[in-house]
């Protein structure tokens, strides 16, 4: 038995570091505030006064950045992953027509470093301001012995609202409707376990290796942000009838577009209608990955798919930069055909 007086810091948890970290991010959090926010950082719970809606339906989503964080650790760059998780969650609820209201985050780490937390929250705040959501609260957990030294986990939860009669479900999709694809910026936040194995284990690249076919380094390519489509969708929703929307995440085009198709409807996607970004071609060639597997793991350059009526196609294509007509809805088995 020791006579020494032990402290929480001796066990690996620094309350002083936590206080410094919170002080450093207060202004970032406040920069995302909306008029409906009634609480300040430090409250036990975030308070948000729901505005005037006739039949409001709350829409929520939770997700993580996944193993993309491993790339951030390797690059010692932490200012992009916060934006990524906000964009990912925002896209997940806007596909149902919801306007984002507020966002909450969870950061778990073995040892809290205020400088790294500052970078993470900077990205969270940038993402929230971009989509108009308030960063209303979160949790920063210092768990020594649970997480590996120098690493952290990042999870986000978003809540939005939509009028009941404006929910986009896909049930209105009809034969003859058109599929419009919105381009991705890269891998977004999916497929990183396979990408890291190909690039770092199979190819032997390091994080700063310059790949001429990509015209950038491995780290810069893999840390490209997850594109946010929230503003685009909310604008289009006010101008035309959107039949259905699919966010292309894990499972790629086949597993995500099918989620919004009604029974006896088939989505036919013409894969030659857009230019596949070089990163996907490079991964396929270097890893000798089957093409079907590529389309199941990665977004392959299409981050969001809109299903619209034929009469609205021209409006969408003229309103959204780089939007591409990639297919149509046919009668048949509920599935996605890549042709």
C-alpha atoms as a PDB file:
ATOM      1  CA  UNK A   1       0.000   0.000   0.000  1.00  0.00           C
ATOM      2  CA  UNK A   2       1.330   3.418  -0.964  1.00  0.00           C
ATOM      3  CA  UNK A   3       1.277   6.436   1.299  1.00  0.00           C
ATOM      4  CA  UNK A   4       1.344   8.778  -1.694  1.00  0.00           C
ATOM      5  CA  UNK A   5      -1.857  10.691  -2.367  1.00  0.00           C
ATOM      6  CA  UNK A   6      -3.078   9.688  -5.841  1.00  0.00           C
ATOM      7  CA  UNK A   7      -4.924  12.009  -8.223  1.00  0.00           C
ATOM      8  CA  UNK A   8      -7.066  11.598 -11.317  1.00  0.00           C
ATOM      9  CA  UNK A   9      -4.094  12.850 -13.364  1.00  0.00           C
ATOM     10  CA  UNK A  10      -2.001   9.973 -11.979  1.00  0.00           C
ATOM     11  CA  UNK A  11      -4.585   7.635 -13.500  1.00  0.00           C
ATOM     12  CA  UNK A  12      -4.243   9.351 -16.867  1.00  0.00           C
ATOM     13  CA  UNK A  13      -7.110  11.855 -16.820  1.00  0.00           C
ATOM     14  CA  UNK A  14      -6.257  15.558 -16.682  1.00  0.00           C
ATOM     15  CA  UNK A  15      -9.075  17.808 -15.505  1.00  0.00           C
ATOM     16  CA  UNK A  16      -6.873  20.831 -16.184  1.00  0.00           C
ATOM     17  CA  UNK A  17      -6.404  19.794 -19.808  1.00  0.00           C
ATOM     18  CA  UNK A  18     -10.157  19.380 -20.120  1.00  0.00           C
ATOM     19  CA  UNK A  19     -10.749  22.894 -18.799  1.00  0.00           C
ATOM     20  CA  UNK A  20      -8.173  24.339 -21.211  1.00  0.00           C
ATOM     21  CA  UNK A  21      -9.742  22.471 -24.108  1.00  0.00           C
ATOM     22  CA  UNK A  22     -13.238  23.721 -23.304  1.00  0.00           C
ATOM     23  CA  UNK A  23     -12.019  27.294 -22.988  1.00  0.00           C
ATOM     24  CA  UNK A  24     -10.374  27.061 -26.381  1.00  0.00           C
ATOM     25  CA  UNK A  25     -13.472  25.925 -28.279  1.00  0.00           C
ATOM     26  CA  UNK A  26     -16.190  28.111 -26.762  1.00  0.00           C
ATOM     27  CA  UNK A  27     -16.039  30.757 -29.476  1.00  0.00           C
ATOM     28  CA  UNK A  28     -16.059  28.113 -32.209  1.00  0.00           C
ATOM     29  CA  UNK A  29     -19.203  26.530 -30.789  1.00  0.00           C
ATOM     30  CA  UNK A  30     -20.935  29.885 -30.341  1.00  0.00           C
ATOM     31  CA  UNK A  31     -20.163  30.780 -33.974  1.00  0.00           C
ATOM     32  CA  UNK A  32     -22.665  28.112 -35.077  1.00  0.00           C
ATOM     33  CA  UNK A  33     -25.565  29.348 -32.947  1.00  0.00           C
ATOM     34  CA  UNK A  34     -29.081  29.860 -34.289  1.00  0.00           C
ATOM     35  CA  UNK A  35     -31.855  32.013 -32.780  1.00  0.00           C
ATOM     36  CA  UNK A  36     -33.576  28.864 -31.498  1.00  0.00           C
ATOM     37  CA  UNK A  37     -30.603  27.908 -29.294  1.00  0.00           C
ATOM     38  CA  UNK A  38     -31.379  28.706 -25.636  1.00  0.00           C
ATOM     39  CA  UNK A  39     -28.297  27.240 -23.934  1.00  0.00           C
ATOM     40  CA  UNK A  40     -24.577  27.923 -23.914  1.00  0.00           C
ATOM     41  CA  UNK A  41     -21.602  25.578 -23.947  1.00  0.00           C
ATOM     42  CA  UNK A  42     -21.172  23.974 -20.543  1.00  0.00           C
ATOM     43  CA  UNK A  43     -24.845  23.265 -19.926  1.00  0.00           C
ATOM     44  CA  UNK A  44     -25.784  19.714 -18.977  1.00  0.00           C
ATOM     45  CA  UNK A  45     -28.073  19.560 -22.000  1.00  0.00           C
ATOM     46  CA  UNK A  46     -28.477  21.632 -25.143  1.00  0.00           C
ATOM     47  CA  UNK A  47     -31.704  23.622 -25.332  1.00  0.00           C
ATOM     48  CA  UNK A  48     -33.336  24.242 -28.699  1.00  0.00           C
ATOM     49  CA  UNK A  49     -36.754  25.877 -29.182  1.00  0.00           C
ATOM     50  CA  UNK A  50     -38.461  24.322 -32.192  1.00  0.00           C
ATOM     51  CA  UNK A  51     -39.875  27.038 -34.440  1.00  0.00           C
ATOM     52  CA  UNK A  52     -43.331  27.312 -35.918  1.00  0.00           C
ATOM     53  CA  UNK A  53     -44.266  24.261 -37.975  1.00  0.00           C
ATOM     54  CA  UNK A  54     -47.696  22.938 -38.801  1.00  0.00           C
ATOM     55  CA  UNK A  55     -46.792  19.244 -38.552  1.00  0.00           C
ATOM     56  CA  UNK A  56     -43.097  19.039 -37.677  1.00  0.00           C
ATOM     57  CA  UNK A  57     -41.324  15.705 -37.975  1.00  0.00           C
ATOM     58  CA  UNK A  58     -37.869  15.431 -36.411  1.00  0.00           C
ATOM     59  CA  UNK A  59     -35.293  13.506 -38.443  1.00  0.00           C
ATOM     60  CA  UNK A  60     -32.067  12.294 -36.837  1.00  0.00           C
ATOM     61  CA  UNK A  61     -28.924  10.399 -37.767  1.00  0.00           C
ATOM     62  CA  UNK A  62     -25.761   9.207 -36.027  1.00  0.00           C
ATOM     63  CA  UNK A  63     -22.515   8.168 -37.688  1.00  0.00           C
ATOM     64  CA  UNK A  64     -18.756   8.057 -37.277  1.00  0.00           C
ATOM     65  CA  UNK A  65     -15.819   9.090 -39.437  1.00  0.00           C
ATOM     66  CA  UNK A  66     -14.621   5.480 -39.423  1.00  0.00           C
ATOM     67  CA  UNK A  67     -11.081   4.470 -40.335  1.00  0.00           C
ATOM     68  CA  UNK A  68     -10.529   7.716 -42.230  1.00  0.00           C
ATOM     69  CA  UNK A  69      -9.348   8.834 -38.799  1.00  0.00           C
ATOM     70  CA  UNK A  70      -6.318   6.560 -39.231  1.00  0.00           C
ATOM     71  CA  UNK A  71      -5.260   8.749 -42.146  1.00  0.00           C
ATOM     72  CA  UNK A  72      -5.692  11.882 -40.032  1.00  0.00           C
ATOM     73  CA  UNK A  73      -3.448  10.341 -37.361  1.00  0.00           C
ATOM     74  CA  UNK A  74      -0.792   9.470 -39.938  1.00  0.00           C
ATOM     75  CA  UNK A  75      -0.901  12.969 -41.445  1.00  0.00           C
ATOM     76  CA  UNK A  76      -1.111  14.713 -38.045  1.00  0.00           C
ATOM     77  CA  UNK A  77      -3.956  16.725 -39.530  1.00  0.00           C
ATOM     78  CA  UNK A  78      -7.228  16.994 -37.651  1.00  0.00           C
ATOM     79  CA  UNK A  79      -9.035  19.978 -39.193  1.00  0.00           C
ATOM     80  CA  UNK A  80     -10.940  18.033 -41.883  1.00  0.00           C
ATOM     81  CA  UNK A  81     -12.578  15.109 -40.071  1.00  0.00           C
ATOM     82  CA  UNK A  82     -14.968  17.305 -38.087  1.00  0.00           C
ATOM     83  CA  UNK A  83     -16.343  18.766 -41.304  1.00  0.00           C
ATOM     84  CA  UNK A  84     -16.598  15.240 -42.715  1.00  0.00           C
ATOM     85  CA  UNK A  85     -18.874  13.934 -39.991  1.00  0.00           C
ATOM     86  CA  UNK A  86     -21.167  16.975 -40.142  1.00  0.00           C
ATOM     87  CA  UNK A  87     -21.433  16.680 -43.924  1.00  0.00           C
ATOM     88  CA  UNK A  88     -22.110  12.946 -43.737  1.00  0.00           C
ATOM     89  CA  UNK A  89     -24.845  13.269 -41.125  1.00  0.00           C
ATOM     90  CA  UNK A  90     -26.360  16.314 -42.826  1.00  0.00           C
ATOM     91  CA  UNK A  91     -26.609  14.442 -46.116  1.00  0.00           C
ATOM     92  CA  UNK A  92     -28.256  11.505 -44.363  1.00  0.00           C
ATOM     93  CA  UNK A  93     -31.204  13.585 -43.176  1.00  0.00           C
ATOM     94  CA  UNK A  94     -31.568  15.996 -46.099  1.00  0.00           C
ATOM     95  CA  UNK A  95     -32.313  13.021 -48.363  1.00  0.00           C
ATOM     96  CA  UNK A  96     -35.625  12.843 -46.493  1.00  0.00           C
ATOM     97  CA  UNK A  97     -36.182  16.547 -46.993  1.00  0.00           C
ATOM     98  CA  UNK A  98     -35.112  17.671 -43.512  1.00  0.00           C
ATOM     99  CA  UNK A  99     -33.468  20.984 -42.688  1.00  0.00           C
ATOM    100  CA  UNK A 100     -30.621  20.439 -40.180  1.00  0.00           C
ATOM    101  CA  UNK A 101     -31.245  22.107 -36.811  1.00  0.00           C
ATOM    102  CA  UNK A 102     -28.491  21.064 -34.439  1.00  0.00           C
ATOM    103  CA  UNK A 103     -25.513  18.751 -34.104  1.00  0.00           C
ATOM    104  CA  UNK A 104     -23.847  16.943 -31.200  1.00  0.00           C
ATOM    105  CA  UNK A 105     -20.428  15.315 -31.186  1.00  0.00           C
ATOM    106  CA  UNK A 106     -18.526  12.699 -29.225  1.00  0.00           C
ATOM    107  CA  UNK A 107     -14.730  12.689 -29.022  1.00  0.00           C
ATOM    108  CA  UNK A 108     -13.145   9.836 -27.099  1.00  0.00           C
ATOM    109  CA  UNK A 109      -9.390   9.670 -26.604  1.00  0.00           C
ATOM    110  CA  UNK A 110      -6.716   8.152 -24.392  1.00  0.00           C
ATOM    111  CA  UNK A 111      -5.251  11.553 -23.531  1.00  0.00           C
ATOM    112  CA  UNK A 112      -6.916  14.860 -24.228  1.00  0.00           C
ATOM    113  CA  UNK A 113      -4.777  17.278 -26.218  1.00  0.00           C
ATOM    114  CA  UNK A 114      -6.364  20.743 -26.375  1.00  0.00           C
ATOM    115  CA  UNK A 115      -4.542  21.608 -29.628  1.00  0.00           C
ATOM    116  CA  UNK A 116      -5.959  18.576 -31.441  1.00  0.00           C
ATOM    117  CA  UNK A 117      -9.448  19.100 -30.009  1.00  0.00           C
ATOM    118  CA  UNK A 118      -9.290  22.694 -31.259  1.00  0.00           C
ATOM    119  CA  UNK A 119      -8.651  21.425 -34.804  1.00  0.00           C
ATOM    120  CA  UNK A 120     -11.455  18.876 -34.602  1.00  0.00           C
ATOM    121  CA  UNK A 121     -13.980  21.412 -33.339  1.00  0.00           C
ATOM    122  CA  UNK A 122     -12.856  23.913 -35.966  1.00  0.00           C
ATOM    123  CA  UNK A 123     -13.925  21.380 -38.594  1.00  0.00           C
ATOM    124  CA  UNK A 124     -17.180  20.671 -36.762  1.00  0.00           C
ATOM    125  CA  UNK A 125     -17.973  24.376 -36.569  1.00  0.00           C
ATOM    126  CA  UNK A 126     -17.123  24.931 -40.247  1.00  0.00           C
ATOM    127  CA  UNK A 127     -19.425  22.080 -41.221  1.00  0.00           C
ATOM    128  CA  UNK A 128     -22.252  23.281 -38.997  1.00  0.00           C
ATOM    129  CA  UNK A 129     -22.063  26.842 -40.280  1.00  0.00           C
ATOM    130  CA  UNK A 130     -22.107  25.550 -43.858  1.00  0.00           C
ATOM    131  CA  UNK A 131     -25.398  23.687 -43.396  1.00  0.00           C
ATOM    132  CA  UNK A 132     -26.944  26.108 -40.888  1.00  0.00           C
ATOM    133  CA  UNK A 133     -26.923  23.735 -37.912  1.00  0.00           C
ATOM    134  CA  UNK A 134     -26.047  24.735 -34.358  1.00  0.00           C
ATOM    135  CA  UNK A 135     -23.254  22.824 -32.637  1.00  0.00           C
ATOM    136  CA  UNK A 136     -25.349  22.572 -29.522  1.00  0.00           C
ATOM    137  CA  UNK A 137     -23.355  20.170 -27.367  1.00  0.00           C
ATOM    138  CA  UNK A 138     -21.256  17.063 -27.121  1.00  0.00           C
ATOM    139  CA  UNK A 139     -18.991  14.916 -25.013  1.00  0.00           C
ATOM    140  CA  UNK A 140     -15.233  14.805 -24.725  1.00  0.00           C
ATOM    141  CA  UNK A 141     -14.150  11.632 -22.951  1.00  0.00           C
ATOM    142  CA  UNK A 142     -10.600  10.987 -21.769  1.00  0.00           C
ATOM    143  CA  UNK A 143     -10.327   7.210 -21.382  1.00  0.00           C
ATOM    144  CA  UNK A 144      -6.743   6.070 -20.760  1.00  0.00           C
ATOM    145  CA  UNK A 145      -6.205   2.384 -21.449  1.00  0.00           C
ATOM    146  CA  UNK A 146      -9.278   2.220 -23.695  1.00  0.00           C
ATOM    147  CA  UNK A 147      -8.091   4.101 -26.784  1.00  0.00           C
ATOM    148  CA  UNK A 148      -4.615   3.722 -28.244  1.00  0.00           C
ATOM    149  CA  UNK A 149      -2.188   6.510 -27.401  1.00  0.00           C
ATOM    150  CA  UNK A 150      -2.317   9.327 -29.929  1.00  0.00           C
ATOM    151  CA  UNK A 151      -5.677   8.256 -31.349  1.00  0.00           C
ATOM    152  CA  UNK A 152      -9.292   9.308 -30.862  1.00  0.00           C
ATOM    153  CA  UNK A 153     -12.774   8.423 -32.037  1.00  0.00           C
ATOM    154  CA  UNK A 154     -15.188  10.942 -33.519  1.00  0.00           C
ATOM    155  CA  UNK A 155     -18.949  10.377 -33.700  1.00  0.00           C
ATOM    156  CA  UNK A 156     -21.709  12.814 -34.556  1.00  0.00           C
ATOM    157  CA  UNK A 157     -25.475  13.065 -34.186  1.00  0.00           C
ATOM    158  CA  UNK A 158     -27.651  15.465 -36.142  1.00  0.00           C
ATOM    159  CA  UNK A 159     -31.300  16.450 -35.723  1.00  0.00           C
ATOM    160  CA  UNK A 160     -33.368  18.178 -38.387  1.00  0.00           C
ATOM    161  CA  UNK A 161     -37.007  18.917 -39.133  1.00  0.00           C
ATOM    162  CA  UNK A 162     -39.376  18.560 -42.051  1.00  0.00           C
ATOM    163  CA  UNK A 163     -43.089  19.148 -42.461  1.00  0.00           C
ATOM    164  CA  UNK A 164     -44.921  15.823 -42.517  1.00  0.00           C
ATOM    165  CA  UNK A 165     -46.333  16.413 -46.002  1.00  0.00           C
ATOM    166  CA  UNK A 166     -42.868  17.301 -47.369  1.00  0.00           C
ATOM    167  CA  UNK A 167     -41.015  14.143 -46.324  1.00  0.00           C
ATOM    168  CA  UNK A 168     -39.127  12.572 -49.230  1.00  0.00           C
ATOM    169  CA  UNK A 169     -39.500   8.795 -49.011  1.00  0.00           C
ATOM    170  CA  UNK A 170     -39.081   7.500 -52.550  1.00  0.00           C
ATOM    171  CA  UNK A 171     -42.578   6.042 -52.577  1.00  0.00           C
ATOM    172  CA  UNK A 172     -43.581   8.521 -55.298  1.00  0.00           C
ATOM    173  CA  UNK A 173     -40.886   7.257 -57.663  1.00  0.00           C
ATOM    174  CA  UNK A 174     -42.445   6.212 -60.973  1.00  0.00           C
ATOM    175  CA  UNK A 175     -41.343   4.405 -64.098  1.00  0.00           C
ATOM    176  CA  UNK A 176     -39.706   6.933 -66.387  1.00  0.00           C
ATOM    177  CA  UNK A 177     -38.270   9.107 -63.637  1.00  0.00           C
ATOM    178  CA  UNK A 178     -34.686  10.184 -64.188  1.00  0.00           C
ATOM    179  CA  UNK A 179     -31.623   9.675 -61.989  1.00  0.00           C
ATOM    180  CA  UNK A 180     -29.337  12.674 -61.580  1.00  0.00           C
ATOM    181  CA  UNK A 181     -25.948  12.175 -59.938  1.00  0.00           C
ATOM    182  CA  UNK A 182     -24.057  14.808 -57.961  1.00  0.00           C
ATOM    183  CA  UNK A 183     -20.269  14.328 -57.972  1.00  0.00           C
ATOM    184  CA  UNK A 184     -18.238  13.358 -54.930  1.00  0.00           C
ATOM    185  CA  UNK A 185     -14.952  14.936 -53.907  1.00  0.00           C
ATOM    186  CA  UNK A 186     -13.268  11.559 -53.466  1.00  0.00           C
ATOM    187  CA  UNK A 187     -13.768   8.638 -51.097  1.00  0.00           C
ATOM    188  CA  UNK A 188     -15.791  10.799 -48.681  1.00  0.00           C
ATOM    189  CA  UNK A 189     -15.925   8.634 -45.518  1.00  0.00           C
ATOM    190  CA  UNK A 190     -16.363   5.116 -46.894  1.00  0.00           C
ATOM    191  CA  UNK A 191     -14.071   2.367 -48.108  1.00  0.00           C
ATOM    192  CA  UNK A 192     -11.025   3.482 -46.132  1.00  0.00           C
ATOM    193  CA  UNK A 193     -10.188   0.065 -44.731  1.00  0.00           C
ATOM    194  CA  UNK A 194      -9.701  -1.278 -48.251  1.00  0.00           C
ATOM    195  CA  UNK A 195      -8.074   1.913 -49.542  1.00  0.00           C
ATOM    196  CA  UNK A 196      -5.555   1.970 -46.683  1.00  0.00           C
ATOM    197  CA  UNK A 197      -4.692  -1.685 -47.222  1.00  0.00           C
ATOM    198  CA  UNK A 198      -4.039  -1.082 -50.928  1.00  0.00           C
ATOM    199  CA  UNK A 199      -2.091   2.155 -50.570  1.00  0.00           C
ATOM    200  CA  UNK A 200      -0.097   1.555 -47.398  1.00  0.00           C
ATOM    201  CA  UNK A 201       0.292  -2.226 -47.210  1.00  0.00           C
ATOM    202  CA  UNK A 202       0.182  -3.399 -50.823  1.00  0.00           C
ATOM    203  CA  UNK A 203       1.779  -0.368 -52.514  1.00  0.00           C
ATOM    204  CA  UNK A 204       4.006   0.547 -49.577  1.00  0.00           C
ATOM    205  CA  UNK A 205       3.223   4.260 -49.893  1.00  0.00           C
ATOM    206  CA  UNK A 206       3.684   6.604 -46.971  1.00  0.00           C
ATOM    207  CA  UNK A 207       1.309   9.436 -46.187  1.00  0.00           C
ATOM    208  CA  UNK A 208       3.393  12.038 -48.062  1.00  0.00           C
ATOM    209  CA  UNK A 209       4.014   9.922 -51.167  1.00  0.00           C
ATOM    210  CA  UNK A 210       3.190  11.906 -54.322  1.00  0.00           C
ATOM    211  CA  UNK A 211       1.183   9.916 -56.861  1.00  0.00           C
ATOM    212  CA  UNK A 212       1.512  11.402 -60.328  1.00  0.00           C
ATOM    213  CA  UNK A 213      -1.729   9.787 -61.542  1.00  0.00           C
ATOM    214  CA  UNK A 214      -3.565  11.603 -58.753  1.00  0.00           C
ATOM    215  CA  UNK A 215      -1.507  14.800 -58.987  1.00  0.00           C
ATOM    216  CA  UNK A 216      -1.356  14.955 -55.205  1.00  0.00           C
ATOM    217  CA  UNK A 217      -0.031  13.082 -52.190  1.00  0.00           C
ATOM    218  CA  UNK A 218      -1.707  10.048 -50.677  1.00  0.00           C
ATOM    219  CA  UNK A 219      -2.597  11.997 -47.534  1.00  0.00           C
ATOM    220  CA  UNK A 220      -4.073  14.967 -49.386  1.00  0.00           C
ATOM    221  CA  UNK A 221      -6.182  12.680 -51.565  1.00  0.00           C
ATOM    222  CA  UNK A 222      -7.522  10.598 -48.706  1.00  0.00           C
ATOM    223  CA  UNK A 223      -8.309  13.613 -46.533  1.00  0.00           C
ATOM    224  CA  UNK A 224     -10.433  15.355 -49.147  1.00  0.00           C
ATOM    225  CA  UNK A 225     -13.665  16.423 -47.491  1.00  0.00           C
ATOM    226  CA  UNK A 226     -16.960  14.611 -47.609  1.00  0.00           C
ATOM    227  CA  UNK A 227     -19.068  16.795 -49.889  1.00  0.00           C
ATOM    228  CA  UNK A 228     -22.117  18.416 -48.304  1.00  0.00           C
ATOM    229  CA  UNK A 229     -25.260  18.424 -50.445  1.00  0.00           C
ATOM    230  CA  UNK A 230     -27.591  20.010 -47.890  1.00  0.00           C
ATOM    231  CA  UNK A 231     -27.850  23.488 -49.406  1.00  0.00           C
ATOM    232  CA  UNK A 232     -28.245  22.082 -52.908  1.00  0.00           C
ATOM    233  CA  UNK A 233     -31.072  19.731 -51.949  1.00  0.00           C
ATOM    234  CA  UNK A 234     -32.974  22.284 -49.856  1.00  0.00           C
ATOM    235  CA  UNK A 235     -32.782  24.771 -52.734  1.00  0.00           C
ATOM    236  CA  UNK A 236     -33.978  22.231 -55.306  1.00  0.00           C
ATOM    237  CA  UNK A 237     -36.718  21.022 -52.985  1.00  0.00           C
ATOM    238  CA  UNK A 238     -38.242  24.517 -53.016  1.00  0.00           C
ATOM    239  CA  UNK A 239     -38.202  24.650 -56.819  1.00  0.00           C
ATOM    240  CA  UNK A 240     -39.194  21.212 -58.065  1.00  0.00           C
ATOM    241  CA  UNK A 241     -40.649  17.861 -57.068  1.00  0.00           C
ATOM    242  CA  UNK A 242     -37.934  15.484 -55.871  1.00  0.00           C
ATOM    243  CA  UNK A 243     -39.194  11.911 -55.971  1.00  0.00           C
ATOM    244  CA  UNK A 244     -36.380  10.342 -53.964  1.00  0.00           C
ATOM    245  CA  UNK A 245     -32.766  10.878 -52.885  1.00  0.00           C
ATOM    246  CA  UNK A 246     -29.987   8.433 -52.013  1.00  0.00           C
ATOM    247  CA  UNK A 247     -26.787   9.344 -50.185  1.00  0.00           C
ATOM    248  CA  UNK A 248     -24.060   7.116 -51.636  1.00  0.00           C
ATOM    249  CA  UNK A 249     -22.161   5.831 -48.623  1.00  0.00           C
ATOM    250  CA  UNK A 250     -21.121   2.295 -47.600  1.00  0.00           C
ATOM    251  CA  UNK A 251     -22.526  -0.160 -50.135  1.00  0.00           C
ATOM    252  CA  UNK A 252     -22.059   2.253 -53.018  1.00  0.00           C
ATOM    253  CA  UNK A 253     -24.633   2.888 -55.710  1.00  0.00           C
ATOM    254  CA  UNK A 254     -26.198  -0.607 -55.700  1.00  0.00           C
ATOM    255  CA  UNK A 255     -26.926  -0.813 -51.972  1.00  0.00           C
ATOM    256  CA  UNK A 256     -28.029   2.776 -51.425  1.00  0.00           C
ATOM    257  CA  UNK A 257     -30.205   3.586 -54.446  1.00  0.00           C
ATOM    258  CA  UNK A 258     -32.219   0.401 -53.916  1.00  0.00           C
ATOM    259  CA  UNK A 259     -33.194   1.645 -50.445  1.00  0.00           C
ATOM    260  CA  UNK A 260     -35.499   4.283 -51.935  1.00  0.00           C
ATOM    261  CA  UNK A 261     -37.059   2.250 -54.761  1.00  0.00           C
ATOM    262  CA  UNK A 262     -40.703   1.141 -54.461  1.00  0.00           C
ATOM    263  CA  UNK A 263     -41.600  -2.466 -55.206  1.00  0.00           C
ATOM    264  CA  UNK A 264     -41.469  -3.450 -58.901  1.00  0.00           C
ATOM    265  CA  UNK A 265     -39.174  -0.535 -59.764  1.00  0.00           C
ATOM    266  CA  UNK A 266     -35.650  -0.914 -61.087  1.00  0.00           C
ATOM    267  CA  UNK A 267     -32.979   1.785 -61.290  1.00  0.00           C
ATOM    268  CA  UNK A 268     -30.790   1.564 -64.382  1.00  0.00           C
ATOM    269  CA  UNK A 269     -27.516   3.453 -63.980  1.00  0.00           C
ATOM    270  CA  UNK A 270     -25.241   4.035 -66.961  1.00  0.00           C
ATOM    271  CA  UNK A 271     -21.715   3.927 -65.573  1.00  0.00           C
ATOM    272  CA  UNK A 272     -20.249   5.529 -68.705  1.00  0.00           C
ATOM    273  CA  UNK A 273     -22.222   8.735 -68.132  1.00  0.00           C
ATOM    274  CA  UNK A 274     -19.633  10.248 -65.796  1.00  0.00           C
ATOM    275  CA  UNK A 275     -15.860  10.328 -65.525  1.00  0.00           C
ATOM    276  CA  UNK A 276     -14.695   8.146 -62.655  1.00  0.00           C
ATOM    277  CA  UNK A 277     -12.168  10.119 -60.549  1.00  0.00           C
ATOM    278  CA  UNK A 278      -8.550   8.895 -60.786  1.00  0.00           C
ATOM    279  CA  UNK A 279      -8.380   7.728 -57.144  1.00  0.00           C
ATOM    280  CA  UNK A 280     -10.867   4.928 -57.818  1.00  0.00           C
ATOM    281  CA  UNK A 281      -9.135   3.767 -60.980  1.00  0.00           C
ATOM    282  CA  UNK A 282      -5.814   3.818 -59.152  1.00  0.00           C
ATOM    283  CA  UNK A 283      -7.167   1.766 -56.243  1.00  0.00           C
ATOM    284  CA  UNK A 284      -8.741  -0.768 -58.580  1.00  0.00           C
ATOM    285  CA  UNK A 285      -5.545  -1.229 -60.589  1.00  0.00           C
ATOM    286  CA  UNK A 286      -3.131  -1.312 -57.658  1.00  0.00           C
ATOM    287  CA  UNK A 287      -5.309  -3.655 -55.606  1.00  0.00           C
ATOM    288  CA  UNK A 288      -6.553  -5.757 -58.522  1.00  0.00           C
ATOM    289  CA  UNK A 289     -10.081  -5.178 -57.212  1.00  0.00           C
ATOM    290  CA  UNK A 290     -13.029  -6.586 -59.136  1.00  0.00           C
ATOM    291  CA  UNK A 291     -15.167  -3.838 -60.676  1.00  0.00           C
ATOM    292  CA  UNK A 292     -18.342  -5.077 -58.965  1.00  0.00           C
ATOM    293  CA  UNK A 293     -16.509  -4.900 -55.640  1.00  0.00           C
ATOM    294  CA  UNK A 294     -15.415  -1.332 -56.398  1.00  0.00           C
ATOM    295  CA  UNK A 295     -19.026  -0.272 -56.912  1.00  0.00           C
ATOM    296  CA  UNK A 296     -20.100  -1.975 -53.678  1.00  0.00           C
ATOM    297  CA  UNK A 297     -17.334  -0.402 -51.547  1.00  0.00           C
ATOM    298  CA  UNK A 298     -16.829   3.081 -53.004  1.00  0.00           C
ATOM    299  CA  UNK A 299     -19.053   5.879 -54.331  1.00  0.00           C
ATOM    300  CA  UNK A 300     -17.063   5.827 -57.613  1.00  0.00           C
ATOM    301  CA  UNK A 301     -17.473   9.580 -58.092  1.00  0.00           C
ATOM    302  CA  UNK A 302     -21.206   9.955 -57.375  1.00  0.00           C
ATOM    303  CA  UNK A 303     -21.985  11.165 -53.857  1.00  0.00           C
ATOM    304  CA  UNK A 304     -25.739  11.731 -54.134  1.00  0.00           C
ATOM    305  CA  UNK A 305     -28.457  10.502 -56.488  1.00  0.00           C
ATOM    306  CA  UNK A 306     -31.625  12.509 -57.094  1.00  0.00           C
ATOM    307  CA  UNK A 307     -34.692  10.906 -58.626  1.00  0.00           C
ATOM    308  CA  UNK A 308     -36.748  13.533 -60.449  1.00  0.00           C
ATOM    309  CA  UNK A 309     -39.574  13.675 -62.935  1.00  0.00           C
ATOM    310  CA  UNK A 310     -38.583  13.954 -66.628  1.00  0.00           C
ATOM    311  CA  UNK A 311     -40.042  17.469 -66.763  1.00  0.00           C
ATOM    312  CA  UNK A 312     -37.683  18.618 -63.981  1.00  0.00           C
ATOM    313  CA  UNK A 313     -34.440  17.212 -65.363  1.00  0.00           C
ATOM    314  CA  UNK A 314     -33.407  20.345 -67.253  1.00  0.00           C
ATOM    315  CA  UNK A 315     -34.058  22.542 -64.208  1.00  0.00           C
ATOM    316  CA  UNK A 316     -31.883  20.345 -62.005  1.00  0.00           C
ATOM    317  CA  UNK A 317     -29.057  20.042 -64.531  1.00  0.00           C
ATOM    318  CA  UNK A 318     -28.993  23.800 -65.136  1.00  0.00           C
ATOM    319  CA  UNK A 319     -29.224  24.649 -61.430  1.00  0.00           C
ATOM    320  CA  UNK A 320     -26.534  22.375 -60.005  1.00  0.00           C
ATOM    321  CA  UNK A 321     -22.936  22.603 -61.178  1.00  0.00           C
ATOM    322  CA  UNK A 322     -21.611  19.293 -62.502  1.00  0.00           C
ATOM    323  CA  UNK A 323     -24.919  17.474 -62.043  1.00  0.00           C
ATOM    324  CA  UNK A 324     -25.090  14.501 -64.417  1.00  0.00           C
ATOM    325  CA  UNK A 325     -27.972  12.524 -65.887  1.00  0.00           C
ATOM    326  CA  UNK A 326     -26.900   8.977 -65.000  1.00  0.00           C
ATOM    327  CA  UNK A 327     -29.964   6.798 -65.534  1.00  0.00           C
ATOM    328  CA  UNK A 328     -33.666   6.187 -65.253  1.00  0.00           C
ATOM    329  CA  UNK A 329     -36.297   4.150 -63.445  1.00  0.00           C
ATOM    330  CA  UNK A 330     -37.810   1.153 -65.202  1.00  0.00           C
ATOM    331  CA  UNK A 331     -40.385  -1.460 -64.323  1.00  0.00           C
ATOM    332  CA  UNK A 332     -38.949  -4.669 -62.933  1.00  0.00           C
ATOM    333  CA  UNK A 333     -37.454  -6.318 -59.895  1.00  0.00           C
ATOM    334  CA  UNK A 334     -36.546  -3.922 -57.075  1.00  0.00           C
ATOM    335  CA  UNK A 335     -32.833  -3.587 -57.792  1.00  0.00           C
ATOM    336  CA  UNK A 336     -30.095  -1.399 -59.232  1.00  0.00           C
ATOM    337  CA  UNK A 337     -28.616  -2.336 -62.591  1.00  0.00           C
ATOM    338  CA  UNK A 338     -25.218  -0.955 -63.502  1.00  0.00           C
ATOM    339  CA  UNK A 339     -24.878  -0.982 -67.280  1.00  0.00           C
END
